[in-house]
């Protein structure tokens, strides 16, 4: 292995130990929950999930899981989401 590649590997190891260097701008994942599989997206600081709870409340366990997993890689706005209180009829 040449010295240039060894240097790049060492740099990658150092970067990997500092996850705050990376910030997601967009993300799309498939999440396998207890009641089905859902597509979750992050666009800028806005989350979306196909599950019924998110559609009604603007927050769900799937999004909260990703916020926990990737906290070091999210802006403050994307890291914390307020649940919407549905309007009552």
C-alpha atoms as a PDB file:
ATOM      1  CA  UNK A   1       0.000   0.000   0.000  1.00  0.00           C
ATOM      2  CA  UNK A   2       1.418   3.379  -0.896  1.00  0.00           C
ATOM      3  CA  UNK A   3       2.022   6.084   1.702  1.00  0.00           C
ATOM      4  CA  UNK A   4      -0.589   8.405   0.160  1.00  0.00           C
ATOM      5  CA  UNK A   5      -3.358   5.830   0.671  1.00  0.00           C
ATOM      6  CA  UNK A   6      -2.178   5.073   4.212  1.00  0.00           C
ATOM      7  CA  UNK A   7      -2.372   8.781   4.982  1.00  0.00           C
ATOM      8  CA  UNK A   8      -5.933   8.949   3.579  1.00  0.00           C
ATOM      9  CA  UNK A   9      -7.007   5.938   5.659  1.00  0.00           C
ATOM     10  CA  UNK A  10      -5.639   7.556   8.825  1.00  0.00           C
ATOM     11  CA  UNK A  11      -7.410  10.808   8.003  1.00  0.00           C
ATOM     12  CA  UNK A  12     -10.679   8.922   7.414  1.00  0.00           C
ATOM     13  CA  UNK A  13     -10.338   7.225  10.812  1.00  0.00           C
ATOM     14  CA  UNK A  14      -9.821  10.611  12.478  1.00  0.00           C
ATOM     15  CA  UNK A  15     -12.817  12.123  10.665  1.00  0.00           C
ATOM     16  CA  UNK A  16     -15.010   9.137  11.585  1.00  0.00           C
ATOM     17  CA  UNK A  17     -14.211   9.770  15.258  1.00  0.00           C
ATOM     18  CA  UNK A  18     -15.587  13.319  14.860  1.00  0.00           C
ATOM     19  CA  UNK A  19     -19.125  12.835  13.463  1.00  0.00           C
ATOM     20  CA  UNK A  20     -20.014  16.488  14.072  1.00  0.00           C
ATOM     21  CA  UNK A  21     -17.918  17.286  10.980  1.00  0.00           C
ATOM     22  CA  UNK A  22     -20.767  15.932   8.817  1.00  0.00           C
ATOM     23  CA  UNK A  23     -24.183  17.565   8.573  1.00  0.00           C
ATOM     24  CA  UNK A  24     -27.009  15.997   6.566  1.00  0.00           C
ATOM     25  CA  UNK A  25     -28.815  18.280   4.123  1.00  0.00           C
ATOM     26  CA  UNK A  26     -31.010  15.513   2.734  1.00  0.00           C
ATOM     27  CA  UNK A  27     -31.654  11.922   3.680  1.00  0.00           C
ATOM     28  CA  UNK A  28     -34.077   9.229   2.588  1.00  0.00           C
ATOM     29  CA  UNK A  29     -34.384   5.922   4.391  1.00  0.00           C
ATOM     30  CA  UNK A  30     -36.693   2.967   4.629  1.00  0.00           C
ATOM     31  CA  UNK A  31     -37.574   2.202   8.231  1.00  0.00           C
ATOM     32  CA  UNK A  32     -38.905  -1.216   9.204  1.00  0.00           C
ATOM     33  CA  UNK A  33     -41.160  -0.570  12.212  1.00  0.00           C
ATOM     34  CA  UNK A  34     -43.291  -2.973  14.227  1.00  0.00           C
ATOM     35  CA  UNK A  35     -46.381  -2.262  12.107  1.00  0.00           C
ATOM     36  CA  UNK A  36     -44.874  -1.892   8.655  1.00  0.00           C
ATOM     37  CA  UNK A  37     -42.183  -0.274   6.585  1.00  0.00           C
ATOM     38  CA  UNK A  38     -42.152   3.495   6.128  1.00  0.00           C
ATOM     39  CA  UNK A  39     -40.195   5.891   3.935  1.00  0.00           C
ATOM     40  CA  UNK A  40     -38.696   8.762   5.934  1.00  0.00           C
ATOM     41  CA  UNK A  41     -37.153  11.852   4.397  1.00  0.00           C
ATOM     42  CA  UNK A  42     -35.148  14.787   5.650  1.00  0.00           C
ATOM     43  CA  UNK A  43     -34.987  17.793   3.346  1.00  0.00           C
ATOM     44  CA  UNK A  44     -33.105  20.706   4.851  1.00  0.00           C
ATOM     45  CA  UNK A  45     -34.511  20.769   8.387  1.00  0.00           C
ATOM     46  CA  UNK A  46     -37.911  19.275   7.521  1.00  0.00           C
ATOM     47  CA  UNK A  47     -38.782  15.656   8.262  1.00  0.00           C
ATOM     48  CA  UNK A  48     -41.515  13.579   6.685  1.00  0.00           C
ATOM     49  CA  UNK A  49     -42.704  10.033   7.275  1.00  0.00           C
ATOM     50  CA  UNK A  50     -45.422   8.052   5.542  1.00  0.00           C
ATOM     51  CA  UNK A  51     -46.853   6.666   8.782  1.00  0.00           C
ATOM     52  CA  UNK A  52     -50.305   7.746   9.976  1.00  0.00           C
ATOM     53  CA  UNK A  53     -49.044   9.213  13.261  1.00  0.00           C
ATOM     54  CA  UNK A  54     -46.667  11.570  11.460  1.00  0.00           C
ATOM     55  CA  UNK A  55     -49.362  12.662   9.025  1.00  0.00           C
ATOM     56  CA  UNK A  56     -51.622  13.673  11.929  1.00  0.00           C
ATOM     57  CA  UNK A  57     -49.074  14.881  14.499  1.00  0.00           C
ATOM     58  CA  UNK A  58     -45.984  15.898  12.496  1.00  0.00           C
ATOM     59  CA  UNK A  59     -43.792  13.603  14.599  1.00  0.00           C
ATOM     60  CA  UNK A  60     -43.461   9.859  15.079  1.00  0.00           C
ATOM     61  CA  UNK A  61     -41.232   7.233  16.650  1.00  0.00           C
ATOM     62  CA  UNK A  62     -39.537   6.598  13.291  1.00  0.00           C
ATOM     63  CA  UNK A  63     -38.375  10.209  12.939  1.00  0.00           C
ATOM     64  CA  UNK A  64     -37.421  10.396  16.628  1.00  0.00           C
ATOM     65  CA  UNK A  65     -35.286   7.265  16.179  1.00  0.00           C
ATOM     66  CA  UNK A  66     -33.366   8.851  13.303  1.00  0.00           C
ATOM     67  CA  UNK A  67     -32.986  12.079  15.262  1.00  0.00           C
ATOM     68  CA  UNK A  68     -31.344  10.059  18.038  1.00  0.00           C
ATOM     69  CA  UNK A  69     -29.176   7.984  15.700  1.00  0.00           C
ATOM     70  CA  UNK A  70     -27.879  10.947  13.722  1.00  0.00           C
ATOM     71  CA  UNK A  71     -28.008  13.722  16.348  1.00  0.00           C
ATOM     72  CA  UNK A  72     -24.380  14.685  15.794  1.00  0.00           C
ATOM     73  CA  UNK A  73     -25.068  15.107  12.069  1.00  0.00           C
ATOM     74  CA  UNK A  74     -28.226  17.237  12.275  1.00  0.00           C
ATOM     75  CA  UNK A  75     -28.793  20.944  12.680  1.00  0.00           C
ATOM     76  CA  UNK A  76     -30.554  21.994  15.886  1.00  0.00           C
ATOM     77  CA  UNK A  77     -33.783  22.487  13.916  1.00  0.00           C
ATOM     78  CA  UNK A  78     -33.663  18.986  12.416  1.00  0.00           C
ATOM     79  CA  UNK A  79     -32.588  17.406  15.709  1.00  0.00           C
ATOM     80  CA  UNK A  80     -35.676  18.594  17.598  1.00  0.00           C
ATOM     81  CA  UNK A  81     -39.229  18.487  16.248  1.00  0.00           C
ATOM     82  CA  UNK A  82     -42.356  19.711  17.981  1.00  0.00           C
ATOM     83  CA  UNK A  83     -45.453  17.545  17.756  1.00  0.00           C
ATOM     84  CA  UNK A  84     -48.473  19.239  16.194  1.00  0.00           C
ATOM     85  CA  UNK A  85     -51.640  19.237  18.256  1.00  0.00           C
ATOM     86  CA  UNK A  86     -54.442  18.175  15.892  1.00  0.00           C
ATOM     87  CA  UNK A  87     -57.384  20.569  15.662  1.00  0.00           C
ATOM     88  CA  UNK A  88     -60.569  19.230  17.202  1.00  0.00           C
ATOM     89  CA  UNK A  89     -63.818  19.486  15.315  1.00  0.00           C
END
